[in-house]
Protein backbone atom coordinates (compact mmCIF):
# COMPACT_ATOMS: atom_id res chain seq x y z
CA MET A 1 -23.82 14.85 -24.94
CA ALA A 2 -21.64 17.00 -22.69
CA SER A 3 -22.79 20.28 -21.37
CA THR A 4 -20.84 23.30 -20.26
CA THR A 5 -21.32 25.76 -17.52
CA PRO A 6 -20.38 29.38 -17.61
CA HIS A 7 -17.43 28.71 -15.37
CA SER A 8 -15.83 26.28 -17.78
CA GLN A 9 -15.77 28.89 -20.44
CA GLN A 10 -13.70 31.43 -18.38
CA PRO A 11 -10.63 32.65 -20.14
CA TRP A 12 -7.27 31.32 -19.14
CA GLU A 13 -5.68 34.81 -18.68
CA PHE A 14 -2.83 33.88 -16.37
CA SER A 15 0.05 31.59 -17.25
CA CYS A 16 3.47 30.53 -16.12
CA ASP A 17 6.25 28.33 -17.53
CA MET A 18 9.17 26.78 -15.82
CA GLU A 19 11.83 24.46 -16.91
CA MET A 20 14.16 22.30 -14.66
CA ASP A 21 17.22 20.72 -15.98
CA PHE A 22 17.85 17.23 -14.33
CA GLY A 23 20.98 16.45 -16.27
CA SER A 24 19.62 13.16 -17.62
CA GLU A 25 16.47 11.99 -19.43
CA GLU A 26 16.17 9.21 -16.75
CA ASN A 27 16.01 11.65 -13.76
CA ALA A 28 13.66 14.00 -15.58
CA SER A 29 11.41 11.04 -16.45
CA ILE A 30 11.38 9.82 -12.82
CA VAL A 31 10.28 13.33 -11.60
CA TYR A 32 7.68 13.51 -14.46
CA ALA A 33 6.21 10.15 -13.47
CA ALA A 34 6.09 11.18 -9.75
CA LEU A 35 4.36 14.54 -10.43
CA ALA A 36 2.00 13.32 -13.24
CA VAL A 37 -0.22 11.45 -10.89
CA ASP A 38 -0.86 14.48 -8.85
CA LYS A 39 -3.81 16.12 -10.72
CA GLU A 40 -5.01 19.60 -10.30
CA LEU A 41 -7.63 19.95 -7.55
CA GLN A 42 -9.69 22.50 -9.62
CA PRO A 43 -9.22 21.63 -13.22
CA ASP A 44 -11.94 24.14 -14.22
CA LYS A 45 -9.66 26.79 -12.86
CA VAL A 46 -6.18 25.54 -13.39
CA LYS A 47 -4.51 23.60 -16.16
CA ARG A 48 -1.06 22.14 -15.96
CA GLY A 49 0.86 20.46 -18.80
CA MET A 50 4.25 18.71 -18.54
CA SER A 51 6.77 17.30 -20.93
CA VAL A 52 10.36 15.88 -20.76
CA SER A 53 13.02 16.59 -23.35
CA ASP A 54 16.69 16.38 -23.38
CA GLY A 55 16.83 15.81 -19.60
CA LYS A 56 14.60 18.85 -18.86
CA LEU A 57 11.23 18.88 -17.32
CA SER A 58 8.96 21.59 -18.78
CA VAL A 59 5.80 22.70 -17.02
CA HIS A 60 3.14 25.09 -18.30
CA PHE A 61 0.36 26.48 -16.01
CA GLU A 62 -2.71 28.36 -16.99
CA ALA A 63 -5.36 29.70 -14.64
CA THR A 64 -8.45 31.88 -14.60
CA GLU A 65 -7.27 33.90 -11.66
CA ALA A 66 -3.81 34.87 -10.36
CA ARG A 67 -4.50 33.37 -6.95
CA PHE A 68 -5.25 29.99 -8.45
CA LEU A 69 -2.08 30.14 -10.40
CA ARG A 70 0.03 31.07 -7.39
CA ALA A 71 -1.53 28.31 -5.29
CA SER A 72 -1.15 25.59 -7.97
CA PHE A 73 2.42 26.75 -8.82
CA SER A 74 3.47 26.84 -5.16
CA ALA A 75 2.11 23.42 -4.33
CA PHE A 76 3.73 22.02 -7.49
CA VAL A 77 7.14 23.46 -6.52
CA ASP A 78 6.85 21.93 -3.08
CA VAL A 79 6.39 18.45 -4.55
CA LEU A 80 9.02 19.08 -7.23
CA THR A 81 11.48 20.08 -4.49
CA LEU A 82 10.79 16.83 -2.59
CA ALA A 83 11.19 14.68 -5.75
CA THR A 84 14.43 16.56 -6.59
CA LYS A 85 15.88 16.08 -3.13
CA THR A 86 15.01 12.38 -3.24
CA ILE A 87 16.88 11.92 -6.49
CA GLU A 88 19.84 13.92 -5.08
CA GLU A 89 19.97 11.68 -1.97
CA PHE A 90 19.22 8.28 -3.56
CA GLY A 91 19.77 8.74 -7.33
CA GLN A 92 23.26 7.23 -7.57
CA GLU A 93 22.10 4.02 -5.90
CA MET A 94 18.71 3.62 -7.59
CA LYS A 95 18.32 1.00 -10.24
CA LEU A 96 15.02 1.05 -12.25
């Protein structure tokens, strides 16, 4: 039987959504796969959900405090930028 602590019952009052258009389902899926393995460091304070549809990567963040949302979003954008630049640089030559 699982037990919960008071911290796990905190409301998720802060949220943010972003959508990136990669122009193709393949590129969006590559970025999704690269970012999906990077789990949140404090899952009791920040939740992140991702999906791919029509060549677009959609991401939804929820956090218990604004500072956790900002830190998570900022770190995610850093890795997203790296993945995007990699596709821009090598995408034409890559074969899956």
